[in-house]
N, C-alpha and C. Protein backbone atom coordinates (compact mmCIF):
# COMPACT_ATOMS: atom_id res chain seq x y z
N MET A 1 13.57 113.08 55.96
CA MET A 1 14.45 112.85 57.21
C MET A 1 15.57 112.33 57.33
N ALA A 2 16.47 112.48 58.14
CA ALA A 2 18.50 111.40 58.06
C ALA A 2 17.36 110.49 59.52
N ARG A 3 18.74 109.75 59.09
CA ARG A 3 18.13 108.29 59.32
C ARG A 3 19.18 107.93 60.53
N ARG A 4 19.45 107.02 61.47
CA ARG A 4 20.72 106.67 61.74
C ARG A 4 20.94 105.41 61.01
N VAL A 5 21.73 104.61 59.96
CA VAL A 5 22.31 103.94 59.71
C VAL A 5 23.30 103.64 60.24
N PHE A 6 23.52 101.84 59.80
CA PHE A 6 24.64 101.01 60.17
C PHE A 6 25.38 100.69 59.03
N PHE A 7 26.69 101.09 59.22
CA PHE A 7 27.46 100.87 57.38
C PHE A 7 28.14 99.35 58.06
N SER A 8 27.83 98.10 56.54
CA SER A 8 28.33 96.98 57.61
C SER A 8 29.52 96.90 56.45
N PHE A 9 30.61 96.32 56.49
CA PHE A 9 31.66 95.73 54.90
C PHE A 9 32.83 95.61 55.52
N HIS A 10 33.37 94.97 54.46
CA HIS A 10 35.24 94.39 54.20
C HIS A 10 36.24 95.78 54.84
N TYR A 11 36.57 95.94 55.70
CA TYR A 11 36.87 96.83 55.80
C TYR A 11 38.40 97.30 55.19
N LEU A 12 38.99 95.62 55.57
CA LEU A 12 40.43 96.04 54.64
C LEU A 12 40.11 96.21 53.08
N ASN A 13 39.47 95.35 52.54
CA ASN A 13 39.12 96.22 50.75
C ASN A 13 38.43 97.27 49.93
N ASP A 14 37.46 97.14 51.25
CA ASP A 14 36.59 98.13 50.91
C ASP A 14 36.59 100.12 51.72
N ILE A 15 37.33 100.12 52.28
CA ILE A 15 37.27 100.71 53.60
C ILE A 15 37.20 102.37 52.10
N TRP A 16 38.61 102.68 51.30
CA TRP A 16 38.41 103.84 50.44
C TRP A 16 37.42 103.78 49.24
N ARG A 17 36.39 103.27 49.14
CA ARG A 17 35.37 103.27 48.50
C ARG A 17 34.06 103.11 49.30
N VAL A 18 33.92 103.12 50.45
CA VAL A 18 33.15 103.38 51.74
C VAL A 18 33.47 104.49 52.22
N SER A 19 34.42 104.97 52.17
CA SER A 19 34.51 106.67 53.02
C SER A 19 33.52 106.91 51.91
N GLN A 20 33.69 107.25 50.61
CA GLN A 20 33.77 107.77 49.40
C GLN A 20 31.78 107.99 49.90
N ILE A 21 31.44 107.00 50.22
CA ILE A 21 30.01 106.54 50.49
C ILE A 21 29.55 107.62 51.78
N ARG A 22 30.52 107.20 52.30
CA ARG A 22 30.03 107.15 53.75
C ARG A 22 29.74 108.59 53.48
N ASN A 23 31.19 109.40 52.92
CA ASN A 23 31.19 111.03 52.77
C ASN A 23 30.39 111.87 52.14
N SER A 24 29.53 111.20 51.38
CA SER A 24 28.56 111.88 49.96
C SER A 24 27.46 112.43 50.67
N TRP A 25 27.74 112.82 52.06
CA TRP A 25 26.71 114.26 52.13
C TRP A 25 27.23 115.25 52.43
N VAL A 26 28.91 115.17 52.70
CA VAL A 26 29.68 116.31 52.79
C VAL A 26 29.82 117.49 51.55
N THR A 27 29.43 116.96 50.48
CA THR A 27 28.52 117.92 49.63
C THR A 27 27.31 118.25 49.55
N GLN A 28 26.47 118.19 50.45
CA GLN A 28 24.69 118.31 50.97
C GLN A 28 24.73 118.05 52.50
N SER A 29 23.52 118.51 52.81
CA SER A 29 23.29 118.83 53.80
C SER A 29 22.66 117.24 54.79
N ARG A 30 23.33 117.09 55.70
CA ARG A 30 22.78 115.59 55.99
C ARG A 30 21.79 115.52 56.10
N GLU A 31 20.35 115.98 55.98
CA GLU A 31 19.07 116.37 56.04
C GLU A 31 18.72 115.66 54.23
N THR A 32 19.28 116.25 53.38
CA THR A 32 19.59 115.48 51.86
C THR A 32 20.88 113.70 51.99
N ALA A 33 21.84 114.10 52.70
CA ALA A 33 22.15 112.75 52.59
C ALA A 33 21.06 111.29 52.57
N GLY A 34 20.16 111.82 54.19
CA GLY A 34 19.15 111.16 54.32
C GLY A 34 20.29 110.87 55.31
N PHE A 35 21.38 110.21 56.08
CA PHE A 35 22.00 109.51 57.45
C PHE A 35 22.12 110.76 57.45
N TRP A 36 22.51 109.43 59.34
CA TRP A 36 23.56 109.96 60.15
C TRP A 36 24.14 108.66 60.49
N ASP A 37 25.78 109.06 60.59
CA ASP A 37 26.24 107.90 61.00
C ASP A 37 27.26 107.64 62.43
N SER A 38 27.68 106.57 62.99
CA SER A 38 28.53 107.08 64.05
C SER A 38 29.10 105.69 64.57
N ALA A 39 29.54 105.12 63.48
CA ALA A 39 30.04 103.88 63.73
C ALA A 39 31.03 104.79 63.61
N ASP A 40 32.85 104.47 64.08
CA ASP A 40 33.91 104.10 64.53
C ASP A 40 34.53 102.64 64.13
N TRP A 41 34.92 102.08 62.81
CA TRP A 41 35.67 100.67 62.33
C TRP A 41 37.45 101.31 63.37
N GLU A 42 37.52 102.19 63.50
CA GLU A 42 39.04 101.88 64.06
C GLU A 42 39.39 101.37 65.13
N GLU A 43 38.09 102.12 66.43
CA GLU A 43 38.41 101.12 67.42
C GLU A 43 37.83 99.57 67.54
N VAL A 44 37.27 98.81 66.79
CA VAL A 44 36.48 97.57 67.03
C VAL A 44 37.65 96.70 66.53
N LYS A 45 38.23 96.88 65.39
CA LYS A 45 39.57 95.91 64.91
C LYS A 45 40.36 95.79 66.56
N ARG A 46 40.30 96.38 67.17
CA ARG A 46 41.41 96.43 68.94
C ARG A 46 40.78 95.37 69.35
N GLY A 47 39.57 94.91 69.40
CA GLY A 47 39.05 94.15 70.24
C GLY A 47 39.05 92.74 69.83
N GLY A 48 38.46 91.68 70.19
CA GLY A 48 38.17 89.91 70.56
C GLY A 48 36.77 89.84 70.07
N ASP A 49 36.35 89.00 69.75
CA ASP A 49 35.40 88.00 69.10
C ASP A 49 33.95 89.14 69.89
N GLU A 50 34.37 88.66 71.35
CA GLU A 50 32.26 88.74 72.06
C GLU A 50 32.72 90.45 72.31
N SER A 51 33.85 91.08 72.12
CA SER A 51 33.85 92.82 72.15
C SER A 51 33.07 93.04 71.09
N ILE A 52 33.82 92.92 70.01
CA ILE A 52 33.49 92.26 68.08
C ILE A 52 32.03 92.68 68.71
N LYS A 53 30.91 91.91 69.04
CA LYS A 53 30.05 91.00 68.98
C LYS A 53 29.12 92.20 69.80
N ARG A 54 29.43 92.66 70.93
CA ARG A 54 29.10 94.36 72.12
C ARG A 54 28.74 95.77 70.84
N TRP A 55 30.27 95.79 70.70
CA TRP A 55 30.24 96.66 69.54
C TRP A 55 29.55 96.78 68.67
N ILE A 56 28.85 95.55 68.19
CA ILE A 56 28.15 95.83 66.69
C ILE A 56 26.58 96.46 67.12
N GLU A 57 26.00 94.80 68.61
CA GLU A 57 24.82 95.57 69.14
C GLU A 57 24.87 96.84 69.53
N ASN A 58 26.14 97.43 70.42
CA ASN A 58 25.83 98.97 70.89
C ASN A 58 25.43 100.06 69.51
N GLN A 59 26.67 99.70 67.83
CA GLN A 59 25.45 100.12 67.16
C GLN A 59 24.40 100.29 66.30
N LEU A 60 24.24 98.87 66.14
CA LEU A 60 22.35 98.87 66.18
C LEU A 60 21.81 99.30 67.23
N ASN A 61 21.94 99.59 68.17
CA ASN A 61 20.67 100.34 68.40
C ASN A 61 20.45 101.48 68.85
N GLY A 62 18.81 101.88 68.16
CA GLY A 62 18.72 103.41 66.65
C GLY A 62 19.14 103.35 66.27
N VAL A 63 19.09 102.88 65.47
CA VAL A 63 19.58 102.54 63.79
C VAL A 63 18.48 102.27 63.30
N SER A 64 18.02 103.03 62.09
CA SER A 64 16.52 102.63 61.47
C SER A 64 17.17 101.57 60.28
N VAL A 65 18.04 101.83 59.83
CA VAL A 65 18.88 100.94 58.45
C VAL A 65 20.21 100.52 58.81
N SER A 66 20.07 99.27 58.65
CA SER A 66 22.09 98.62 57.85
C SER A 66 22.27 98.81 56.90
N ILE A 67 22.44 98.77 56.37
CA ILE A 67 23.51 99.02 54.79
C ILE A 67 24.63 98.49 54.12
N VAL A 68 24.44 97.37 53.90
CA VAL A 68 25.59 96.20 53.07
C VAL A 68 25.71 97.10 51.62
N LEU A 69 27.81 97.44 52.68
CA LEU A 69 28.50 98.15 50.93
C LEU A 69 29.12 96.61 50.70
N ILE A 70 28.66 96.35 49.44
CA ILE A 70 29.21 95.03 48.87
C ILE A 70 30.32 95.31 47.49
N GLY A 71 31.11 94.36 48.29
CA GLY A 71 32.86 94.92 46.96
C GLY A 71 32.80 92.92 47.30
N SER A 72 33.98 92.88 46.59
CA SER A 72 34.40 91.76 46.23
C SER A 72 34.37 89.96 47.05
N GLU A 73 34.38 91.41 48.01
CA GLU A 73 34.73 89.50 49.14
C GLU A 73 33.65 89.76 50.65
N THR A 74 32.95 90.42 50.42
CA THR A 74 31.99 90.81 51.27
C THR A 74 30.96 89.67 52.14
N ALA A 75 30.92 88.45 50.93
CA ALA A 75 29.96 87.85 51.52
C ALA A 75 30.53 86.93 52.20
N ASN A 76 31.75 87.00 52.45
CA ASN A 76 33.09 86.11 53.08
C ASN A 76 33.12 86.56 54.96
N ARG A 77 32.56 87.23 54.85
CA ARG A 77 33.68 87.90 55.78
C ARG A 77 32.35 87.73 57.17
N LYS A 78 32.86 86.92 57.97
CA LYS A 78 32.44 86.56 59.64
C LYS A 78 31.84 87.25 59.88
N TYR A 79 32.46 88.83 60.26
CA TYR A 79 30.79 90.20 61.21
C TYR A 79 30.52 90.21 60.18
N VAL A 80 30.18 90.64 58.85
CA VAL A 80 29.56 91.43 57.89
C VAL A 80 28.68 90.05 58.46
N LEU A 81 28.36 88.74 57.68
CA LEU A 81 27.18 88.65 57.96
C LEU A 81 26.75 88.06 59.48
N HIS A 82 26.89 88.39 60.29
CA HIS A 82 26.58 88.57 61.96
C HIS A 82 26.05 90.23 62.50
N GLU A 83 26.56 90.78 60.71
CA GLU A 83 25.66 91.75 61.08
C GLU A 83 24.65 91.83 60.45
N ILE A 84 24.01 91.19 59.09
CA ILE A 84 22.89 90.94 58.67
C ILE A 84 22.09 90.18 59.41
N LYS A 85 22.31 89.01 59.43
CA LYS A 85 21.76 87.91 61.04
C LYS A 85 21.22 89.75 61.54
N ARG A 86 21.08 90.08 62.89
CA ARG A 86 21.26 90.76 64.06
C ARG A 86 20.52 91.56 63.25
N SER A 87 20.83 92.29 62.09
CA SER A 87 19.97 93.59 61.74
C SER A 87 18.62 93.37 60.69
N HIS A 88 18.62 92.04 60.64
CA HIS A 88 18.01 91.69 60.79
C HIS A 88 16.46 90.61 61.73
N GLU A 89 16.89 90.30 62.13
CA GLU A 89 16.67 89.53 63.36
C GLU A 89 15.70 91.22 64.70
N LEU A 90 16.06 91.74 64.28
CA LEU A 90 16.31 93.17 64.98
C LEU A 90 15.28 94.14 64.34
N SER A 91 14.85 93.72 63.44
CA SER A 91 13.57 94.12 62.65
C SER A 91 14.48 95.60 61.82
N LYS A 92 15.55 96.13 61.82
CA LYS A 92 16.16 97.06 61.01
C LYS A 92 16.44 97.20 59.82
N GLY A 93 15.96 98.08 59.10
CA GLY A 93 16.20 98.36 57.31
C GLY A 93 16.92 97.69 57.06
N LEU A 94 17.39 97.07 55.85
CA LEU A 94 18.59 96.66 55.46
C LEU A 94 18.84 96.76 53.82
N LEU A 95 19.58 97.19 53.69
CA LEU A 95 19.79 96.95 51.70
C LEU A 95 21.35 96.36 51.83
N GLY A 96 20.98 96.61 50.51
CA GLY A 96 22.96 96.08 49.84
C GLY A 96 23.26 97.22 48.96
N ILE A 97 24.61 97.56 48.59
CA ILE A 97 24.95 98.39 47.50
C ILE A 97 26.07 97.77 47.53
N TRP A 98 26.19 97.66 45.92
CA TRP A 98 27.42 97.19 45.25
C TRP A 98 27.99 98.43 44.89
N ILE A 99 29.07 98.29 45.46
CA ILE A 99 31.12 99.07 44.90
C ILE A 99 32.46 98.67 44.15
N HIS A 100 31.82 96.98 43.97
CA HIS A 100 32.39 96.30 43.18
C HIS A 100 32.83 98.10 41.41
N ASN A 101 32.04 98.54 41.43
CA ASN A 101 32.94 99.34 39.73
C ASN A 101 32.86 101.00 40.53
N MET A 102 33.08 101.07 41.50
CA MET A 102 33.35 102.49 42.22
C MET A 102 35.20 101.88 42.19
N ARG A 103 36.19 103.51 41.78
CA ARG A 103 37.70 103.37 41.91
C ARG A 103 37.77 103.62 43.55
N ASP A 104 39.04 102.56 43.49
CA ASP A 104 40.08 102.81 44.52
C ASP A 104 40.48 103.91 44.69
N ARG A 105 41.29 103.96 45.97
CA ARG A 105 42.93 105.77 46.14
C ARG A 105 43.72 105.33 44.32
N PHE A 106 43.18 104.45 44.08
CA PHE A 106 44.37 103.81 42.69
C PHE A 106 44.07 103.52 41.23
N GLY A 107 42.72 104.10 41.45
CA GLY A 107 41.88 104.30 40.29
C GLY A 107 40.77 102.99 39.25
N ASP A 108 41.55 102.65 40.54
CA ASP A 108 41.07 100.61 39.93
C ASP A 108 39.31 99.87 40.81
N THR A 109 38.69 99.74 39.71
CA THR A 109 37.18 99.02 40.14
C THR A 109 37.78 96.78 40.51
N SER A 110 37.31 96.44 41.04
CA SER A 110 37.30 95.16 41.87
C SER A 110 35.85 94.68 41.16
N SER A 111 36.49 93.42 41.36
CA SER A 111 35.08 91.71 40.74
C SER A 111 34.02 92.23 41.85
N LYS A 112 33.03 92.05 40.89
CA LYS A 112 32.00 91.80 42.15
C LYS A 112 32.13 90.87 42.62
N GLY A 113 31.09 90.53 43.68
CA GLY A 113 31.46 89.74 44.74
C GLY A 113 29.99 89.04 45.21
N ASN A 114 29.81 88.01 45.47
CA ASN A 114 28.96 86.83 46.00
C ASN A 114 27.29 88.00 46.46
N ASN A 115 26.23 87.77 46.74
CA ASN A 115 25.49 88.70 46.93
C ASN A 115 25.07 88.14 48.58
N PRO A 116 25.99 88.53 49.59
CA PRO A 116 25.59 87.76 51.37
C PRO A 116 24.24 87.56 51.61
N PHE A 117 23.17 88.60 51.24
CA PHE A 117 22.10 88.17 51.32
C PHE A 117 21.47 86.60 51.64
N ASN A 118 22.22 85.82 49.64
CA ASN A 118 21.94 84.88 49.47
C ASN A 118 22.01 83.82 50.46
N GLN A 119 23.09 84.18 51.98
CA GLN A 119 23.20 83.31 52.22
C GLN A 119 21.95 82.62 53.89
N PHE A 120 21.26 83.49 53.73
CA PHE A 120 19.92 83.19 54.55
C PHE A 120 18.59 83.66 53.95
N TYR A 121 18.16 82.46 54.92
CA TYR A 121 16.55 82.14 54.43
C TYR A 121 15.28 81.97 55.63
N ILE A 122 14.74 82.14 55.25
CA ILE A 122 13.47 82.60 56.25
C ILE A 122 12.84 81.29 55.59
N GLU A 123 12.29 80.77 56.11
CA GLU A 123 10.37 80.05 56.34
C GLU A 123 8.78 80.87 55.53
N GLU A 124 8.81 80.53 54.37
CA GLU A 124 7.47 81.18 54.68
C GLU A 124 6.58 80.90 53.93
N GLY A 125 5.59 80.50 54.44
CA GLY A 125 4.46 79.13 54.78
C GLY A 125 5.36 78.09 54.22
N ASN A 126 4.89 77.52 53.02
CA ASN A 126 5.88 75.35 52.67
C ASN A 126 7.26 76.58 51.88
N ARG A 127 7.29 77.59 51.20
CA ARG A 127 8.80 78.15 51.41
C ARG A 127 9.78 78.80 51.80
N ARG A 128 10.87 78.23 50.85
CA ARG A 128 12.56 78.93 51.83
C ARG A 128 11.75 80.23 51.13
N LYS A 129 12.64 80.88 51.16
CA LYS A 129 13.09 82.20 50.85
C LYS A 129 14.03 83.23 51.02
N SER A 130 15.04 82.95 50.15
CA SER A 130 16.28 84.09 50.68
C SER A 130 16.20 85.50 50.96
N LEU A 131 16.57 86.12 51.64
CA LEU A 131 16.90 87.51 52.30
C LEU A 131 16.85 88.39 51.38
N SER A 132 17.47 87.54 50.32
CA SER A 132 18.41 88.93 49.00
C SER A 132 16.29 88.36 48.36
N GLU A 133 15.77 88.23 48.41
CA GLU A 133 14.45 88.23 48.06
C GLU A 133 14.02 89.26 48.19
N ILE A 134 13.84 89.40 50.24
CA ILE A 134 13.70 90.12 50.24
C ILE A 134 13.84 92.03 50.97
N TYR A 135 15.31 91.64 50.36
CA TYR A 135 16.27 93.45 50.55
C TYR A 135 16.38 93.61 49.39
N PRO A 136 15.98 95.02 49.33
CA PRO A 136 17.01 95.16 47.77
C PRO A 136 18.32 95.62 47.64
N THR A 137 18.65 95.81 46.34
CA THR A 137 20.52 95.97 46.70
C THR A 137 20.84 96.92 45.38
N TYR A 138 21.38 97.67 45.62
CA TYR A 138 21.94 99.41 44.30
C TYR A 138 22.96 99.11 43.98
N ASN A 139 23.30 98.94 43.00
CA ASN A 139 24.30 99.49 42.75
C ASN A 139 25.04 101.47 42.74
N TRP A 140 26.39 101.22 43.59
CA TRP A 140 26.12 102.72 44.09
C TRP A 140 26.86 104.18 42.16
N VAL A 141 27.15 103.29 41.11
CA VAL A 141 27.81 103.57 40.26
C VAL A 141 26.81 103.67 39.20
N THR A 142 26.04 102.19 38.47
CA THR A 142 24.86 102.38 38.23
C THR A 142 23.40 102.67 38.26
N ASP A 143 23.28 102.91 39.31
CA ASP A 143 22.20 103.33 39.72
C ASP A 143 21.81 104.38 40.16
N ASP A 144 23.20 105.41 40.52
CA ASP A 144 23.68 106.84 40.61
C ASP A 144 22.77 107.02 42.73
N GLY A 145 24.22 106.96 42.73
CA GLY A 145 24.07 106.30 44.40
C GLY A 145 24.38 107.98 45.18
N TYR A 146 25.01 108.79 44.36
CA TYR A 146 24.94 109.45 44.61
C TYR A 146 23.53 110.58 45.28
N SER A 147 22.67 110.36 43.86
CA SER A 147 20.97 111.50 44.06
C SER A 147 19.80 110.42 44.32
N ASN A 148 20.97 108.88 44.77
CA ASN A 148 19.62 107.99 45.38
C ASN A 148 19.25 107.76 46.10
N PHE A 149 20.75 107.09 47.04
CA PHE A 149 20.89 107.00 48.34
C PHE A 149 20.14 107.27 49.29
N SER A 150 19.21 109.06 49.85
CA SER A 150 18.32 108.63 50.93
C SER A 150 17.22 108.43 50.47
N GLY A 151 16.67 108.41 49.30
CA GLY A 151 15.65 107.25 48.91
C GLY A 151 15.44 105.36 49.10
N TRP A 152 16.90 105.50 49.37
CA TRP A 152 17.27 104.31 49.37
C TRP A 152 17.34 103.61 50.47
N ILE A 153 17.58 105.15 51.93
CA ILE A 153 17.31 104.95 53.41
C ILE A 153 15.84 104.57 53.48
N GLU A 154 15.55 105.82 52.43
CA GLU A 154 13.70 106.03 53.15
C GLU A 154 13.21 104.69 53.15
N ASP A 155 13.05 104.32 51.71
CA ASP A 155 12.25 103.12 51.63
C ASP A 155 12.74 102.21 52.25
N ALA A 156 14.16 101.68 52.48
CA ALA A 156 14.12 100.70 53.92
C ALA A 156 14.19 100.99 55.07
N ALA A 157 13.54 101.93 55.86
CA ALA A 157 13.33 102.25 56.69
C ALA A 157 11.53 102.00 57.00
N CYS A 158 11.29 102.11 56.10
CA CYS A 158 9.97 102.51 55.61
C CYS A 158 9.19 100.40 55.71
N ALA A 159 9.60 99.81 54.50
CA ALA A 159 9.54 98.23 54.71
C ALA A 159 9.28 98.10 55.93
N ALA A 160 10.77 98.62 56.69
CA ALA A 160 11.37 97.53 57.81
C ALA A 160 10.09 98.06 59.07
N GLY A 161 8.83 99.04 58.48
CA GLY A 161 7.82 99.85 59.61
C GLY A 161 9.01 101.07 60.56
N ARG A 162 9.91 101.76 60.35
CA ARG A 162 10.49 102.97 60.74
C ARG A 162 10.65 104.26 60.55
């Protein structure tokens, strides 16, 4: 079953790599690719802080899984962190995909950034647990994202009870 997903990423640095993932379904059926995506990232840039947060809330409505595409600076992005926080609060399926090994339009890769899930914690009993201990991360290149993406999405949705 195809799932509605939300992609969270650093626009300026990673849009070329992100577009490759977002368009991976083009050579597959949408059912095989495992996701539906309705984000319009160009429009969101025009609004202010509250407008962007409303847009994020609207995008998360009806989504099964939020996918954080992790590039070299993703963990420092204010709205990416907000999207992770809200996705967790709303009990969405959540996963991260490292994209630093993917080539950009110039054929270059980038350095591996920090895991943004490391910035959030929950209390579990007497233990403080990072979201990076709860939500999986994959590497698009070394974990063969093209072939495994739909399975990652389905696993995240099922783990969230969706």
